[in-house]
């Protein structure tokens, strides 16, 4: 059994700014969300804790790990997708300035690649490889796109539903039978 959780909130999340692989820290609300996540995770019986290397996920995992008595294992494959030239930009600006690319991303089109970055399919493949290496039962603290990629990799959603999958900050999601 693998539980997935997106990191706590950052200032960029609150502002609607694309983070991707930009290393942004949690804000105070995000730290509080991480503490609440830790309390929810305390009763899950997980014996391993994984995270990406990015500060927002790592800090969330460290807060959770302190409560669970687990040291987070950093696996770079759980990082958010490399969003290339969209990183650091406001979502509303991308939607207005690049409507065709925006629409392709929102539809989860096969072959969609962030301009100058990673494709959705590459992200799904990378996350699927990481999931197969997880020692279960575990909690993986990662990113919104990475949680979506995990659900697609596990066969629970098609790629075309990628953006319809709601992934709030610091909420748990359970994956069963990940092989």
N, C-alpha and C. Protein backbone atom coordinates (compact mmCIF):
# COMPACT_ATOMS: atom_id res chain seq x y z
N UNK A 1 0.84 -1.18 0.00
CA UNK A 1 0.00 0.00 0.00
C UNK A 1 0.89 1.25 0.00
N UNK A 2 0.56 2.17 -0.87
CA UNK A 2 1.27 3.44 -0.95
C UNK A 2 0.26 4.56 -0.78
N UNK A 3 0.58 5.48 0.12
CA UNK A 3 -0.19 6.69 0.28
C UNK A 3 0.59 7.82 -0.38
N UNK A 4 -0.13 8.69 -1.06
CA UNK A 4 0.47 9.84 -1.72
C UNK A 4 -0.04 11.11 -1.05
N UNK A 5 0.82 12.11 -0.96
CA UNK A 5 0.39 13.41 -0.46
C UNK A 5 1.16 14.50 -1.19
N UNK A 6 0.45 15.52 -1.58
CA UNK A 6 1.09 16.71 -2.15
C UNK A 6 1.65 17.53 -0.98
N UNK A 7 2.73 18.23 -1.23
CA UNK A 7 3.34 19.11 -0.23
C UNK A 7 2.36 20.16 0.27
N UNK A 8 2.71 20.83 1.36
CA UNK A 8 1.94 21.97 1.86
C UNK A 8 2.06 23.16 0.93
N UNK A 9 1.25 24.16 1.19
CA UNK A 9 1.18 25.34 0.34
C UNK A 9 2.47 26.16 0.36
N UNK A 10 2.73 26.79 -0.77
CA UNK A 10 3.84 27.75 -0.91
C UNK A 10 3.24 29.09 -1.34
N UNK A 11 4.05 30.13 -1.27
CA UNK A 11 3.59 31.44 -1.75
C UNK A 11 3.24 31.36 -3.23
N UNK A 12 4.00 30.58 -4.00
CA UNK A 12 3.71 30.44 -5.43
C UNK A 12 2.37 29.75 -5.67
N UNK A 13 2.04 28.72 -4.86
CA UNK A 13 0.72 28.08 -4.99
C UNK A 13 -0.38 29.10 -4.75
N UNK A 14 -0.24 29.85 -3.69
CA UNK A 14 -1.26 30.82 -3.30
C UNK A 14 -1.47 31.88 -4.38
N UNK A 15 -0.42 32.18 -5.12
CA UNK A 15 -0.46 33.22 -6.15
C UNK A 15 -0.86 32.68 -7.53
N UNK A 16 -0.88 31.34 -7.69
CA UNK A 16 -1.18 30.77 -9.00
C UNK A 16 0.01 30.82 -9.93
N UNK A 17 1.20 30.61 -9.38
CA UNK A 17 2.43 30.66 -10.15
C UNK A 17 2.95 29.23 -10.38
N UNK A 18 3.41 28.94 -11.59
CA UNK A 18 3.94 27.63 -11.94
C UNK A 18 5.29 27.43 -11.24
N UNK A 19 5.41 26.33 -10.49
CA UNK A 19 6.65 26.05 -9.80
C UNK A 19 7.52 25.06 -10.56
N UNK A 20 6.95 23.93 -10.95
CA UNK A 20 7.75 22.91 -11.62
C UNK A 20 8.94 22.54 -10.75
N UNK A 21 10.14 22.68 -11.30
CA UNK A 21 11.34 22.30 -10.55
C UNK A 21 11.97 23.48 -9.81
N UNK A 22 11.30 24.63 -9.79
CA UNK A 22 11.79 25.75 -8.98
C UNK A 22 11.67 25.33 -7.51
N UNK A 23 12.68 25.62 -6.76
CA UNK A 23 12.78 25.13 -5.37
C UNK A 23 12.20 26.14 -4.39
N UNK A 24 10.89 26.18 -4.29
CA UNK A 24 10.22 27.13 -3.39
C UNK A 24 9.90 26.48 -2.05
N UNK A 25 10.07 27.23 -0.95
CA UNK A 25 9.78 26.69 0.38
C UNK A 25 8.29 26.78 0.71
N UNK A 26 7.91 26.09 1.75
CA UNK A 26 6.55 26.21 2.27
C UNK A 26 6.35 27.59 2.86
N UNK A 27 5.10 28.06 2.83
CA UNK A 27 4.76 29.25 3.60
C UNK A 27 4.22 28.77 4.96
N UNK A 28 3.83 29.68 5.82
CA UNK A 28 3.38 29.28 7.16
C UNK A 28 2.13 28.41 7.09
N UNK A 29 1.21 28.73 6.19
CA UNK A 29 0.02 27.89 6.02
C UNK A 29 0.43 26.49 5.57
N UNK A 30 1.42 26.40 4.70
CA UNK A 30 1.91 25.10 4.24
C UNK A 30 2.51 24.28 5.36
N UNK A 31 3.22 24.94 6.28
CA UNK A 31 3.78 24.22 7.44
C UNK A 31 2.66 23.70 8.34
N UNK A 32 1.62 24.49 8.51
CA UNK A 32 0.48 24.03 9.32
C UNK A 32 -0.21 22.85 8.61
N UNK A 33 -0.36 22.93 7.30
CA UNK A 33 -0.93 21.80 6.55
C UNK A 33 -0.07 20.55 6.72
N UNK A 34 1.25 20.72 6.72
CA UNK A 34 2.15 19.58 6.89
C UNK A 34 1.98 18.96 8.28
N UNK A 35 1.80 19.79 9.29
CA UNK A 35 1.56 19.26 10.65
C UNK A 35 0.25 18.49 10.71
N UNK A 36 -0.78 18.99 10.03
CA UNK A 36 -2.06 18.28 10.00
C UNK A 36 -1.93 16.96 9.22
N UNK A 37 -1.18 17.00 8.12
CA UNK A 37 -0.91 15.78 7.36
C UNK A 37 -0.22 14.75 8.24
N UNK A 38 0.74 15.20 9.02
CA UNK A 38 1.47 14.30 9.92
C UNK A 38 0.52 13.61 10.90
N UNK A 39 -0.43 14.35 11.43
CA UNK A 39 -1.40 13.76 12.35
C UNK A 39 -2.28 12.72 11.63
N UNK A 40 -2.71 13.03 10.43
CA UNK A 40 -3.52 12.08 9.66
C UNK A 40 -2.71 10.83 9.31
N UNK A 41 -1.45 11.02 9.01
CA UNK A 41 -0.60 9.89 8.61
C UNK A 41 -0.20 9.01 9.78
N UNK A 42 -0.31 9.52 10.98
CA UNK A 42 0.16 8.79 12.17
C UNK A 42 -0.53 7.44 12.34
N UNK A 43 -1.76 7.30 11.91
CA UNK A 43 -2.48 6.05 12.09
C UNK A 43 -2.46 5.13 10.89
N UNK A 44 -1.66 5.40 9.90
CA UNK A 44 -1.68 4.62 8.66
C UNK A 44 -0.83 3.36 8.70
N UNK A 45 0.09 3.27 9.62
CA UNK A 45 0.96 2.09 9.70
C UNK A 45 2.04 2.06 8.64
N UNK A 46 2.42 3.21 8.09
CA UNK A 46 3.48 3.21 7.10
C UNK A 46 4.83 2.98 7.78
N UNK A 47 5.70 2.30 7.07
CA UNK A 47 7.03 2.00 7.60
C UNK A 47 8.14 2.67 6.79
N UNK A 48 7.75 3.38 5.73
CA UNK A 48 8.72 4.08 4.89
C UNK A 48 8.11 5.40 4.43
N UNK A 49 8.98 6.39 4.28
CA UNK A 49 8.56 7.73 3.87
C UNK A 49 9.48 8.20 2.75
N UNK A 50 8.89 8.56 1.62
CA UNK A 50 9.64 9.01 0.45
C UNK A 50 9.25 10.44 0.10
N UNK A 51 10.17 11.14 -0.55
CA UNK A 51 9.90 12.51 -0.97
C UNK A 51 10.78 12.87 -2.16
N UNK A 52 10.38 13.93 -2.84
CA UNK A 52 11.26 14.49 -3.86
C UNK A 52 12.30 15.36 -3.15
N UNK A 53 13.27 15.82 -3.92
CA UNK A 53 14.33 16.65 -3.38
C UNK A 53 13.94 18.12 -3.26
N UNK A 54 12.84 18.51 -3.86
CA UNK A 54 12.44 19.91 -3.87
C UNK A 54 11.99 20.37 -2.49
N UNK A 55 12.40 21.57 -2.10
CA UNK A 55 12.25 22.05 -0.72
C UNK A 55 10.83 21.93 -0.19
N UNK A 56 9.82 22.24 -1.00
CA UNK A 56 8.45 22.23 -0.50
C UNK A 56 8.00 20.82 -0.13
N UNK A 57 8.40 19.82 -0.88
CA UNK A 57 8.06 18.44 -0.55
C UNK A 57 8.95 17.92 0.58
N UNK A 58 10.22 18.23 0.52
CA UNK A 58 11.16 17.75 1.54
C UNK A 58 10.80 18.30 2.91
N UNK A 59 10.48 19.59 3.00
CA UNK A 59 10.10 20.16 4.29
C UNK A 59 8.81 19.52 4.81
N UNK A 60 7.85 19.31 3.93
CA UNK A 60 6.61 18.62 4.33
C UNK A 60 6.93 17.23 4.85
N UNK A 61 7.76 16.49 4.14
CA UNK A 61 8.13 15.12 4.54
C UNK A 61 8.89 15.13 5.86
N UNK A 62 9.74 16.12 6.08
CA UNK A 62 10.48 16.18 7.35
C UNK A 62 9.54 16.41 8.52
N UNK A 63 8.53 17.25 8.34
CA UNK A 63 7.54 17.48 9.40
C UNK A 63 6.76 16.20 9.67
N UNK A 64 6.35 15.52 8.61
CA UNK A 64 5.63 14.25 8.76
C UNK A 64 6.54 13.19 9.39
N UNK A 65 7.76 13.10 8.90
CA UNK A 65 8.71 12.11 9.39
C UNK A 65 9.00 12.27 10.87
N UNK A 66 9.08 13.50 11.34
CA UNK A 66 9.32 13.74 12.77
C UNK A 66 8.19 13.15 13.59
N UNK A 67 6.96 13.33 13.14
CA UNK A 67 5.79 12.78 13.86
C UNK A 67 5.75 11.26 13.78
N UNK A 68 6.16 10.69 12.64
CA UNK A 68 6.07 9.24 12.45
C UNK A 68 7.32 8.50 12.91
N UNK A 69 8.37 9.23 13.23
CA UNK A 69 9.63 8.58 13.59
C UNK A 69 10.32 7.95 12.39
N UNK A 70 10.15 8.55 11.21
CA UNK A 70 10.74 8.03 9.97
C UNK A 70 11.60 9.10 9.31
N UNK A 71 12.72 8.68 8.78
CA UNK A 71 13.59 9.57 8.02
C UNK A 71 13.15 9.53 6.55
N UNK A 72 12.85 10.68 5.95
CA UNK A 72 12.44 10.67 4.54
C UNK A 72 13.57 10.19 3.62
N UNK A 73 13.20 9.34 2.68
CA UNK A 73 14.11 8.87 1.64
C UNK A 73 13.88 9.77 0.43
N UNK A 74 14.92 10.46 -0.01
CA UNK A 74 14.79 11.36 -1.16
C UNK A 74 14.96 10.56 -2.45
N UNK A 75 13.97 10.69 -3.33
CA UNK A 75 14.02 10.06 -4.65
C UNK A 75 13.63 11.13 -5.67
N UNK A 76 14.60 11.56 -6.46
CA UNK A 76 14.39 12.65 -7.42
C UNK A 76 13.31 12.33 -8.46
N UNK A 77 12.99 11.07 -8.63
CA UNK A 77 11.95 10.69 -9.59
C UNK A 77 10.57 11.16 -9.14
N UNK A 78 10.43 11.51 -7.85
CA UNK A 78 9.16 12.02 -7.34
C UNK A 78 9.04 13.54 -7.47
N UNK A 79 10.01 14.19 -8.13
CA UNK A 79 9.95 15.64 -8.32
C UNK A 79 8.80 16.01 -9.25
N UNK A 80 8.40 17.26 -9.18
CA UNK A 80 7.40 17.78 -10.10
C UNK A 80 8.00 17.76 -11.50
N UNK A 81 7.14 17.82 -12.51
CA UNK A 81 7.62 17.85 -13.89
C UNK A 81 8.41 19.13 -14.13
N UNK A 82 9.38 19.01 -15.03
CA UNK A 82 10.14 20.17 -15.47
C UNK A 82 9.22 20.93 -16.42
N UNK A 83 8.76 22.08 -15.99
CA UNK A 83 7.78 22.83 -16.77
C UNK A 83 8.43 23.90 -17.65
N UNK A 84 9.74 23.76 -17.83
CA UNK A 84 10.46 24.57 -18.81
C UNK A 84 10.21 26.06 -18.68
N UNK A 85 9.84 26.67 -19.80
CA UNK A 85 9.66 28.12 -19.86
C UNK A 85 8.42 28.60 -19.12
N UNK A 86 7.57 27.69 -18.67
CA UNK A 86 6.39 28.10 -17.90
C UNK A 86 6.75 28.32 -16.43
N UNK A 87 7.86 27.78 -15.98
CA UNK A 87 8.23 27.89 -14.57
C UNK A 87 8.41 29.35 -14.17
N UNK A 88 7.82 29.69 -13.04
CA UNK A 88 7.91 31.05 -12.52
C UNK A 88 6.84 31.99 -13.07
N UNK A 89 6.06 31.53 -14.03
CA UNK A 89 5.02 32.37 -14.64
C UNK A 89 3.67 32.13 -13.98
N UNK A 90 2.81 33.14 -14.04
CA UNK A 90 1.46 33.01 -13.53
C UNK A 90 0.61 32.20 -14.50
N UNK A 91 -0.22 31.32 -13.97
CA UNK A 91 -1.08 30.49 -14.81
C UNK A 91 -1.96 31.34 -15.72
N UNK A 92 -2.54 32.39 -15.18
CA UNK A 92 -3.44 33.23 -15.99
C UNK A 92 -2.72 33.87 -17.17
N UNK A 93 -1.43 34.19 -17.01
CA UNK A 93 -0.66 34.76 -18.11
C UNK A 93 -0.40 33.73 -19.20
N UNK A 94 -0.08 32.50 -18.78
CA UNK A 94 0.15 31.43 -19.76
C UNK A 94 -1.12 31.16 -20.56
N UNK A 95 -2.25 31.07 -19.85
CA UNK A 95 -3.53 30.82 -20.52
C UNK A 95 -3.83 31.91 -21.56
N UNK A 96 -3.55 33.15 -21.23
CA UNK A 96 -3.82 34.28 -22.12
C UNK A 96 -2.82 34.35 -23.28
N UNK A 97 -1.54 34.11 -22.98
CA UNK A 97 -0.48 34.32 -23.97
C UNK A 97 -0.19 33.10 -24.84
N UNK A 98 -0.50 31.90 -24.35
CA UNK A 98 -0.23 30.67 -25.10
C UNK A 98 -1.47 29.77 -25.07
N UNK A 99 -2.58 30.24 -25.64
CA UNK A 99 -3.84 29.50 -25.51
C UNK A 99 -3.81 28.08 -26.08
N UNK A 100 -3.09 27.86 -27.19
CA UNK A 100 -3.06 26.52 -27.78
C UNK A 100 -2.31 25.54 -26.88
N UNK A 101 -1.14 25.94 -26.38
CA UNK A 101 -0.36 25.08 -25.48
C UNK A 101 -1.11 24.85 -24.18
N UNK A 102 -1.74 25.92 -23.68
CA UNK A 102 -2.53 25.82 -22.45
C UNK A 102 -3.64 24.78 -22.62
N UNK A 103 -4.35 24.86 -23.73
CA UNK A 103 -5.46 23.93 -23.99
C UNK A 103 -4.95 22.49 -24.10
N UNK A 104 -3.81 22.30 -24.76
CA UNK A 104 -3.23 20.95 -24.90
C UNK A 104 -2.86 20.39 -23.54
N UNK A 105 -2.29 21.22 -22.69
CA UNK A 105 -1.93 20.78 -21.32
C UNK A 105 -3.19 20.43 -20.54
N UNK A 106 -4.20 21.29 -20.61
CA UNK A 106 -5.44 21.07 -19.86
C UNK A 106 -6.15 19.79 -20.32
N UNK A 107 -5.99 19.44 -21.59
CA UNK A 107 -6.61 18.21 -22.12
C UNK A 107 -5.75 16.98 -21.85
N UNK A 108 -4.53 17.16 -21.34
CA UNK A 108 -3.64 16.02 -21.12
C UNK A 108 -3.31 15.30 -22.41
N UNK A 109 -3.07 16.06 -23.46
CA UNK A 109 -2.82 15.46 -24.77
C UNK A 109 -1.55 14.63 -24.79
N UNK A 110 -1.64 13.47 -25.42
CA UNK A 110 -0.44 12.67 -25.66
C UNK A 110 0.52 13.52 -26.48
N UNK A 111 1.77 13.46 -26.13
CA UNK A 111 2.77 14.24 -26.84
C UNK A 111 2.93 15.66 -26.32
N UNK A 112 2.06 16.10 -25.39
CA UNK A 112 2.24 17.45 -24.85
C UNK A 112 3.56 17.53 -24.09
N UNK A 113 4.31 18.56 -24.37
CA UNK A 113 5.57 18.84 -23.68
C UNK A 113 5.54 20.29 -23.24
N UNK A 114 5.89 20.52 -21.97
CA UNK A 114 6.04 21.90 -21.52
C UNK A 114 7.12 22.55 -22.38
N UNK A 115 6.90 23.75 -22.89
CA UNK A 115 7.89 24.39 -23.74
C UNK A 115 9.26 24.46 -23.04
N UNK A 116 10.24 23.74 -23.60
CA UNK A 116 11.57 23.69 -23.01
C UNK A 116 11.68 22.76 -21.83
N UNK A 117 10.67 21.94 -21.59
CA UNK A 117 10.67 21.06 -20.41
C UNK A 117 10.30 19.63 -20.74
N UNK A 118 9.68 18.99 -19.79
CA UNK A 118 9.36 17.56 -19.82
C UNK A 118 7.98 17.33 -20.43
N UNK A 119 7.78 16.17 -21.03
CA UNK A 119 6.45 15.80 -21.52
C UNK A 119 5.66 15.14 -20.39
N UNK A 120 4.34 15.15 -20.53
CA UNK A 120 3.49 14.46 -19.54
C UNK A 120 3.84 12.97 -19.50
N UNK A 121 4.06 12.38 -20.67
CA UNK A 121 4.37 10.95 -20.73
C UNK A 121 5.70 10.63 -20.05
N UNK A 122 6.69 11.50 -20.21
CA UNK A 122 7.97 11.28 -19.52
C UNK A 122 7.79 11.35 -18.00
N UNK A 123 6.98 12.31 -17.56
CA UNK A 123 6.72 12.44 -16.13
C UNK A 123 6.03 11.19 -15.59
N UNK A 124 5.01 10.72 -16.30
CA UNK A 124 4.28 9.52 -15.87
C UNK A 124 5.22 8.32 -15.81
N UNK A 125 6.07 8.14 -16.80
CA UNK A 125 7.01 7.01 -16.82
C UNK A 125 7.99 7.10 -15.65
N UNK A 126 8.52 8.28 -15.40
CA UNK A 126 9.48 8.48 -14.31
C UNK A 126 8.85 8.16 -12.96
N UNK A 127 7.64 8.65 -12.75
CA UNK A 127 6.95 8.41 -11.48
C UNK A 127 6.57 6.94 -11.34
N UNK A 128 6.15 6.32 -12.43
CA UNK A 128 5.84 4.88 -12.38
C UNK A 128 7.04 4.06 -11.98
N UNK A 129 8.21 4.38 -12.52
CA UNK A 129 9.44 3.68 -12.13
C UNK A 129 9.71 3.86 -10.64
N UNK A 130 9.53 5.08 -10.15
CA UNK A 130 9.77 5.34 -8.72
C UNK A 130 8.80 4.57 -7.84
N UNK A 131 7.54 4.52 -8.22
CA UNK A 131 6.54 3.80 -7.42
C UNK A 131 6.89 2.32 -7.28
N UNK A 132 7.39 1.73 -8.36
CA UNK A 132 7.74 0.31 -8.32
C UNK A 132 8.91 0.03 -7.40
N UNK A 133 9.68 1.05 -7.05
CA UNK A 133 10.85 0.88 -6.17
C UNK A 133 10.52 1.15 -4.69
N UNK A 134 9.32 1.59 -4.40
CA UNK A 134 8.93 1.95 -3.03
C UNK A 134 8.73 0.70 -2.18
N UNK A 135 9.32 0.72 -0.99
CA UNK A 135 9.09 -0.36 -0.01
C UNK A 135 7.80 -0.05 0.73
N UNK A 136 6.84 -0.94 0.61
CA UNK A 136 5.51 -0.72 1.17
C UNK A 136 5.35 -1.37 2.54
N UNK A 137 4.46 -0.84 3.36
CA UNK A 137 3.58 0.32 3.20
C UNK A 137 4.35 1.62 3.36
N UNK A 138 4.02 2.59 2.53
CA UNK A 138 4.79 3.83 2.51
C UNK A 138 3.90 5.04 2.26
N UNK A 139 4.46 6.18 2.61
CA UNK A 139 3.88 7.47 2.27
C UNK A 139 4.88 8.18 1.37
N UNK A 140 4.39 8.70 0.25
CA UNK A 140 5.21 9.47 -0.68
C UNK A 140 4.70 10.91 -0.66
N UNK A 141 5.56 11.82 -0.22
CA UNK A 141 5.23 13.25 -0.24
C UNK A 141 5.85 13.84 -1.49
N UNK A 142 5.01 14.39 -2.35
CA UNK A 142 5.51 14.86 -3.64
C UNK A 142 4.78 16.11 -4.08
N UNK A 143 4.26 16.14 -5.29
CA UNK A 143 3.73 17.35 -5.92
C UNK A 143 2.42 17.04 -6.63
N UNK A 144 1.65 18.08 -6.92
CA UNK A 144 0.36 17.87 -7.57
C UNK A 144 0.46 17.11 -8.88
N UNK A 145 1.36 17.54 -9.76
CA UNK A 145 1.53 16.84 -11.03
C UNK A 145 2.06 15.44 -10.84
N UNK A 146 2.87 15.24 -9.82
CA UNK A 146 3.44 13.92 -9.56
C UNK A 146 2.37 12.97 -9.03
N UNK A 147 1.47 13.47 -8.18
CA UNK A 147 0.35 12.63 -7.73
C UNK A 147 -0.50 12.23 -8.93
N UNK A 148 -0.78 13.18 -9.80
CA UNK A 148 -1.56 12.86 -11.01
C UNK A 148 -0.82 11.83 -11.87
N UNK A 149 0.47 12.03 -12.05
CA UNK A 149 1.27 11.09 -12.83
C UNK A 149 1.24 9.69 -12.21
N UNK A 150 1.27 9.62 -10.89
CA UNK A 150 1.22 8.33 -10.20
C UNK A 150 -0.11 7.63 -10.47
N UNK A 151 -1.19 8.37 -10.44
CA UNK A 151 -2.51 7.78 -10.70
C UNK A 151 -2.63 7.29 -12.13
N UNK A 152 -2.04 8.04 -13.07
CA UNK A 152 -2.03 7.60 -14.46
C UNK A 152 -1.14 6.37 -14.60
N UNK A 153 0.05 6.40 -14.00
CA UNK A 153 0.98 5.27 -14.08
C UNK A 153 0.38 4.01 -13.48
N UNK A 154 -0.43 4.17 -12.43
CA UNK A 154 -1.06 3.01 -11.77
C UNK A 154 -2.30 2.53 -12.53
N UNK A 155 -2.64 3.19 -13.62
CA UNK A 155 -3.79 2.77 -14.42
C UNK A 155 -5.13 3.18 -13.86
N UNK A 156 -5.15 4.12 -12.91
CA UNK A 156 -6.40 4.55 -12.30
C UNK A 156 -7.09 5.66 -13.08
N UNK A 157 -6.34 6.34 -13.93
CA UNK A 157 -6.88 7.40 -14.78
C UNK A 157 -6.13 7.38 -16.11
N UNK A 158 -6.82 7.71 -17.21
CA UNK A 158 -6.11 7.88 -18.47
C UNK A 158 -5.41 9.24 -18.49
N UNK A 159 -4.42 9.39 -19.33
CA UNK A 159 -3.67 10.63 -19.44
C UNK A 159 -4.60 11.82 -19.74
N UNK A 160 -5.64 11.59 -20.51
CA UNK A 160 -6.57 12.66 -20.86
C UNK A 160 -7.33 13.25 -19.69
N UNK A 161 -7.33 12.56 -18.55
CA UNK A 161 -7.98 13.08 -17.34
C UNK A 161 -6.99 13.75 -16.39
N UNK A 162 -5.75 13.86 -16.81
CA UNK A 162 -4.67 14.36 -15.95
C UNK A 162 -5.07 15.62 -15.18
N UNK A 163 -5.56 16.62 -15.86
CA UNK A 163 -5.87 17.89 -15.21
C UNK A 163 -7.19 17.88 -14.45
N UNK A 164 -8.02 16.88 -14.66
CA UNK A 164 -9.28 16.83 -13.93
C UNK A 164 -9.11 16.22 -12.54
N UNK A 165 -7.98 15.63 -12.28
CA UNK A 165 -7.71 15.00 -10.98
C UNK A 165 -7.39 16.11 -9.97
N UNK A 166 -8.21 16.23 -8.96
CA UNK A 166 -8.02 17.26 -7.93
C UNK A 166 -6.98 16.77 -6.92
N UNK A 167 -5.98 17.61 -6.66
CA UNK A 167 -4.91 17.24 -5.73
C UNK A 167 -4.65 18.43 -4.80
N UNK A 168 -5.44 18.55 -3.73
CA UNK A 168 -5.22 19.65 -2.79
C UNK A 168 -3.90 19.49 -2.03
N UNK A 169 -3.39 20.60 -1.54
CA UNK A 169 -2.17 20.55 -0.74
C UNK A 169 -2.37 19.71 0.51
N UNK A 170 -1.38 18.84 0.78
CA UNK A 170 -1.25 18.10 2.04
C UNK A 170 -2.44 17.19 2.35
N UNK A 171 -3.09 16.63 1.34
CA UNK A 171 -4.14 15.65 1.57
C UNK A 171 -3.68 14.29 1.12
N UNK A 172 -4.13 13.25 1.83
CA UNK A 172 -3.72 11.87 1.55
C UNK A 172 -4.57 11.22 0.47
N UNK A 173 -3.92 10.40 -0.31
CA UNK A 173 -4.59 9.59 -1.32
C UNK A 173 -3.99 8.19 -1.24
N UNK A 174 -4.81 7.18 -1.33
CA UNK A 174 -4.33 5.81 -1.18
C UNK A 174 -4.27 5.10 -2.53
N UNK A 175 -3.11 4.47 -2.79
CA UNK A 175 -2.94 3.60 -3.95
C UNK A 175 -2.83 2.18 -3.44
N UNK A 176 -3.58 1.28 -3.99
CA UNK A 176 -3.48 -0.12 -3.58
C UNK A 176 -2.88 -0.94 -4.73
N UNK A 177 -2.23 -2.00 -4.36
CA UNK A 177 -1.70 -2.96 -5.33
C UNK A 177 -0.79 -2.34 -6.38
N UNK A 178 0.14 -1.53 -5.95
CA UNK A 178 1.13 -0.99 -6.87
C UNK A 178 2.26 -2.01 -6.96
N UNK A 179 2.49 -2.50 -8.18
CA UNK A 179 3.53 -3.52 -8.36
C UNK A 179 4.66 -2.98 -9.19
